[in-house]
């Protein structure tokens, strides 16, 4: 059973929404950390693929893109929903 990029994106968004609804401090940390980790892996893999073609399927790159796009999009959505101020910033 292969998972599609859209299914993975929706699943990740649901997980991030749960984090954002329960604790926005943890959600901010996880969104930031996962964004940079997945973006770094994606960039390194993309450069390596362009330098030396391998047999990695194209689905890998779309799955990795969901890894850094879903925390970024959820962060932006909740940033605007909270008016740019999170609860942990006021303490």
N, C-alpha and C. Protein backbone atom coordinates (compact mmCIF):
# COMPACT_ATOMS: atom_id res chain seq x y z
N UNK A 1 0.84 -1.18 0.00
CA UNK A 1 0.00 0.00 0.00
C UNK A 1 0.88 1.24 0.00
N UNK A 2 0.76 2.03 -1.02
CA UNK A 2 1.51 3.27 -1.11
C UNK A 2 0.66 4.43 -0.62
N UNK A 3 1.29 5.28 0.14
CA UNK A 3 0.58 6.46 0.62
C UNK A 3 0.87 7.61 -0.34
N UNK A 4 -0.15 8.35 -0.67
CA UNK A 4 0.00 9.47 -1.59
C UNK A 4 0.38 10.72 -0.82
N UNK A 5 0.95 11.67 -1.54
CA UNK A 5 1.42 12.90 -0.91
C UNK A 5 0.26 13.69 -0.30
N UNK A 6 -0.88 13.70 -0.96
CA UNK A 6 -2.01 14.46 -0.41
C UNK A 6 -2.54 13.82 0.87
N UNK A 7 -2.55 12.49 0.91
CA UNK A 7 -3.00 11.80 2.12
C UNK A 7 -2.04 12.08 3.29
N UNK A 8 -0.75 12.05 3.01
CA UNK A 8 0.23 12.34 4.04
C UNK A 8 0.14 13.79 4.50
N UNK A 9 -0.10 14.69 3.56
CA UNK A 9 -0.23 16.11 3.91
C UNK A 9 -1.42 16.33 4.84
N UNK A 10 -2.55 15.72 4.52
CA UNK A 10 -3.75 15.88 5.35
C UNK A 10 -3.53 15.25 6.73
N UNK A 11 -2.90 14.10 6.78
CA UNK A 11 -2.61 13.45 8.05
C UNK A 11 -1.69 14.33 8.91
N UNK A 12 -0.65 14.89 8.31
CA UNK A 12 0.25 15.76 9.05
C UNK A 12 -0.46 17.02 9.52
N UNK A 13 -1.31 17.57 8.69
CA UNK A 13 -2.06 18.77 9.09
C UNK A 13 -2.97 18.47 10.28
N UNK A 14 -3.60 17.31 10.29
CA UNK A 14 -4.46 16.93 11.42
C UNK A 14 -3.63 16.82 12.69
N UNK A 15 -2.46 16.22 12.60
CA UNK A 15 -1.59 16.09 13.77
C UNK A 15 -1.14 17.46 14.26
N UNK A 16 -0.77 18.35 13.34
CA UNK A 16 -0.35 19.69 13.75
C UNK A 16 -1.51 20.49 14.34
N UNK A 17 -2.71 20.31 13.82
CA UNK A 17 -3.88 21.00 14.40
C UNK A 17 -4.10 20.54 15.83
N UNK A 18 -3.95 19.25 16.07
CA UNK A 18 -4.10 18.75 17.45
C UNK A 18 -3.07 19.40 18.36
N UNK A 19 -1.83 19.48 17.90
CA UNK A 19 -0.80 20.15 18.70
C UNK A 19 -1.14 21.62 18.93
N UNK A 20 -1.60 22.31 17.88
CA UNK A 20 -1.89 23.73 18.01
C UNK A 20 -3.08 23.98 18.93
N UNK A 21 -4.04 23.08 18.94
CA UNK A 21 -5.21 23.27 19.79
C UNK A 21 -4.90 22.97 21.26
N UNK A 22 -3.93 22.10 21.52
CA UNK A 22 -3.63 21.74 22.90
C UNK A 22 -2.57 22.63 23.52
N UNK A 23 -1.47 22.87 22.81
CA UNK A 23 -0.38 23.64 23.39
C UNK A 23 0.35 24.37 22.26
N UNK A 24 0.17 25.67 22.18
CA UNK A 24 0.76 26.40 21.06
C UNK A 24 2.27 26.55 21.19
N UNK A 25 2.82 26.45 22.39
CA UNK A 25 4.27 26.52 22.56
C UNK A 25 4.94 25.29 21.96
N UNK A 26 4.44 24.11 22.31
CA UNK A 26 4.97 22.86 21.75
C UNK A 26 4.76 22.84 20.24
N UNK A 27 3.60 23.30 19.79
CA UNK A 27 3.31 23.31 18.37
C UNK A 27 4.25 24.24 17.61
N UNK A 28 4.57 25.39 18.20
CA UNK A 28 5.51 26.31 17.56
C UNK A 28 6.88 25.68 17.45
N UNK A 29 7.33 25.05 18.53
CA UNK A 29 8.64 24.39 18.51
C UNK A 29 8.68 23.26 17.48
N UNK A 30 7.68 22.39 17.52
CA UNK A 30 7.66 21.26 16.59
C UNK A 30 7.54 21.72 15.14
N UNK A 31 6.71 22.71 14.89
CA UNK A 31 6.56 23.21 13.53
C UNK A 31 7.87 23.79 13.00
N UNK A 32 8.55 24.54 13.83
CA UNK A 32 9.81 25.14 13.42
C UNK A 32 10.89 24.09 13.20
N UNK A 33 11.01 23.17 14.15
CA UNK A 33 12.04 22.14 14.04
C UNK A 33 11.80 21.23 12.85
N UNK A 34 10.57 20.73 12.71
CA UNK A 34 10.28 19.83 11.60
C UNK A 34 10.39 20.52 10.25
N UNK A 35 10.01 21.80 10.20
CA UNK A 35 10.15 22.54 8.94
C UNK A 35 11.61 22.56 8.50
N UNK A 36 12.51 22.93 9.39
CA UNK A 36 13.92 23.04 9.01
C UNK A 36 14.57 21.68 8.76
N UNK A 37 14.18 20.67 9.51
CA UNK A 37 14.74 19.34 9.29
C UNK A 37 14.33 18.80 7.92
N UNK A 38 13.03 18.84 7.63
CA UNK A 38 12.56 18.30 6.35
C UNK A 38 13.02 19.15 5.17
N UNK A 39 13.08 20.46 5.35
CA UNK A 39 13.58 21.31 4.27
C UNK A 39 15.04 21.02 3.99
N UNK A 40 15.84 20.83 5.01
CA UNK A 40 17.26 20.52 4.82
C UNK A 40 17.45 19.19 4.11
N UNK A 41 16.71 18.18 4.54
CA UNK A 41 16.81 16.88 3.89
C UNK A 41 16.36 16.97 2.44
N UNK A 42 15.30 17.72 2.20
CA UNK A 42 14.79 17.88 0.83
C UNK A 42 15.83 18.57 -0.07
N UNK A 43 16.43 19.62 0.42
CA UNK A 43 17.42 20.35 -0.38
C UNK A 43 18.64 19.48 -0.66
N UNK A 44 19.14 18.79 0.36
CA UNK A 44 20.30 17.93 0.17
C UNK A 44 19.99 16.80 -0.81
N UNK A 45 18.83 16.17 -0.66
CA UNK A 45 18.44 15.08 -1.57
C UNK A 45 18.24 15.59 -2.99
N UNK A 46 17.67 16.79 -3.12
CA UNK A 46 17.46 17.34 -4.46
C UNK A 46 18.78 17.66 -5.14
N UNK A 47 19.71 18.24 -4.40
CA UNK A 47 21.02 18.54 -4.98
C UNK A 47 21.75 17.25 -5.34
N UNK A 48 21.70 16.26 -4.46
CA UNK A 48 22.35 14.98 -4.74
C UNK A 48 21.72 14.30 -5.95
N UNK A 49 20.43 14.43 -6.10
CA UNK A 49 19.75 13.83 -7.25
C UNK A 49 20.17 14.51 -8.55
N UNK A 50 20.35 15.82 -8.51
CA UNK A 50 20.75 16.54 -9.72
C UNK A 50 22.21 16.26 -10.08
N UNK A 51 23.05 16.09 -9.07
CA UNK A 51 24.46 15.82 -9.35
C UNK A 51 24.68 14.40 -9.86
N UNK A 52 24.03 13.45 -9.26
CA UNK A 52 24.18 12.05 -9.65
C UNK A 52 22.82 11.39 -9.61
N UNK A 53 22.27 11.12 -10.78
CA UNK A 53 20.93 10.55 -10.88
C UNK A 53 20.89 9.17 -10.24
N UNK A 54 19.90 8.97 -9.38
CA UNK A 54 19.73 7.68 -8.72
C UNK A 54 18.36 7.13 -9.08
N UNK A 55 18.04 6.02 -8.51
CA UNK A 55 16.76 5.37 -8.80
C UNK A 55 15.70 5.71 -7.77
N UNK A 56 15.83 6.86 -7.12
CA UNK A 56 14.84 7.29 -6.14
C UNK A 56 13.59 7.75 -6.91
N UNK A 57 12.42 7.22 -6.55
CA UNK A 57 11.21 7.64 -7.28
C UNK A 57 10.86 9.09 -6.99
N UNK A 58 10.16 9.70 -7.91
CA UNK A 58 9.76 11.10 -7.77
C UNK A 58 8.81 11.30 -6.60
N UNK A 59 8.13 10.24 -6.20
CA UNK A 59 7.20 10.33 -5.08
C UNK A 59 7.95 10.70 -3.80
N UNK A 60 9.21 10.32 -3.70
CA UNK A 60 10.01 10.66 -2.52
C UNK A 60 10.07 12.16 -2.32
N UNK A 61 10.27 12.89 -3.40
CA UNK A 61 10.40 14.34 -3.29
C UNK A 61 9.07 15.00 -2.96
N UNK A 62 7.99 14.47 -3.47
CA UNK A 62 6.69 15.04 -3.12
C UNK A 62 6.33 14.72 -1.66
N UNK A 63 6.71 13.54 -1.18
CA UNK A 63 6.47 13.22 0.23
C UNK A 63 7.33 14.08 1.14
N UNK A 64 8.57 14.34 0.74
CA UNK A 64 9.44 15.21 1.54
C UNK A 64 8.93 16.65 1.53
N UNK A 65 8.36 17.06 0.41
CA UNK A 65 7.80 18.42 0.33
C UNK A 65 6.62 18.58 1.30
N UNK A 66 5.82 17.54 1.46
CA UNK A 66 4.74 17.63 2.44
C UNK A 66 5.29 17.72 3.85
N UNK A 67 6.47 17.16 4.06
CA UNK A 67 7.09 17.20 5.37
C UNK A 67 7.44 18.59 5.83
N UNK A 68 7.82 19.46 4.90
CA UNK A 68 8.13 20.83 5.32
C UNK A 68 7.03 21.83 4.98
N UNK A 69 6.12 21.48 4.11
CA UNK A 69 5.03 22.40 3.79
C UNK A 69 3.91 22.37 4.83
N UNK A 70 3.60 21.19 5.37
CA UNK A 70 2.50 21.11 6.33
C UNK A 70 2.78 21.88 7.63
N UNK A 71 3.98 21.78 8.25
CA UNK A 71 4.18 22.61 9.44
C UNK A 71 4.21 24.10 9.13
N UNK A 72 4.73 24.45 7.96
CA UNK A 72 4.78 25.86 7.57
C UNK A 72 3.37 26.42 7.38
N UNK A 73 2.53 25.69 6.69
CA UNK A 73 1.17 26.16 6.42
C UNK A 73 0.36 26.22 7.72
N UNK A 74 0.50 25.21 8.58
CA UNK A 74 -0.23 25.23 9.86
C UNK A 74 0.27 26.36 10.75
N UNK A 75 1.55 26.65 10.73
CA UNK A 75 2.08 27.77 11.51
C UNK A 75 1.50 29.09 11.01
N UNK A 76 1.47 29.27 9.71
CA UNK A 76 0.94 30.51 9.14
C UNK A 76 -0.55 30.66 9.47
N UNK A 77 -1.31 29.58 9.34
CA UNK A 77 -2.75 29.63 9.63
C UNK A 77 -2.99 30.00 11.08
N UNK A 78 -2.31 29.33 12.01
CA UNK A 78 -2.55 29.61 13.42
C UNK A 78 -1.93 30.94 13.85
N UNK A 79 -0.92 31.39 13.15
CA UNK A 79 -0.37 32.72 13.43
C UNK A 79 -1.42 33.79 13.16
N UNK A 80 -2.10 33.68 12.04
CA UNK A 80 -3.13 34.66 11.72
C UNK A 80 -4.39 34.47 12.54
N UNK A 81 -4.73 33.23 12.89
CA UNK A 81 -5.90 33.00 13.74
C UNK A 81 -5.69 33.57 15.14
N UNK A 82 -4.47 33.54 15.64
CA UNK A 82 -4.17 34.07 16.96
C UNK A 82 -3.81 35.56 16.93
N UNK A 83 -3.88 36.16 15.79
CA UNK A 83 -3.58 37.58 15.68
C UNK A 83 -2.10 37.91 15.85
N UNK A 84 -1.24 36.93 15.58
CA UNK A 84 0.19 37.15 15.69
C UNK A 84 0.74 37.06 17.10
N UNK A 85 -0.12 36.74 18.06
CA UNK A 85 0.33 36.62 19.45
C UNK A 85 -0.09 35.26 19.99
N UNK A 86 0.89 34.54 20.48
CA UNK A 86 0.62 33.24 21.07
C UNK A 86 0.59 33.40 22.59
N UNK A 87 -0.04 32.43 23.26
CA UNK A 87 -0.17 32.48 24.72
C UNK A 87 1.18 32.48 25.41
N UNK A 88 2.13 31.72 24.89
CA UNK A 88 3.42 31.61 25.54
C UNK A 88 4.26 32.88 25.39
N UNK A 89 3.90 33.76 24.48
CA UNK A 89 4.64 35.00 24.30
C UNK A 89 4.30 36.03 25.37
N UNK A 90 3.14 35.91 25.99
CA UNK A 90 2.71 36.90 26.96
C UNK A 90 3.22 36.62 28.37
N UNK A 91 3.70 35.42 28.61
CA UNK A 91 4.20 35.07 29.95
C UNK A 91 5.65 35.40 30.12
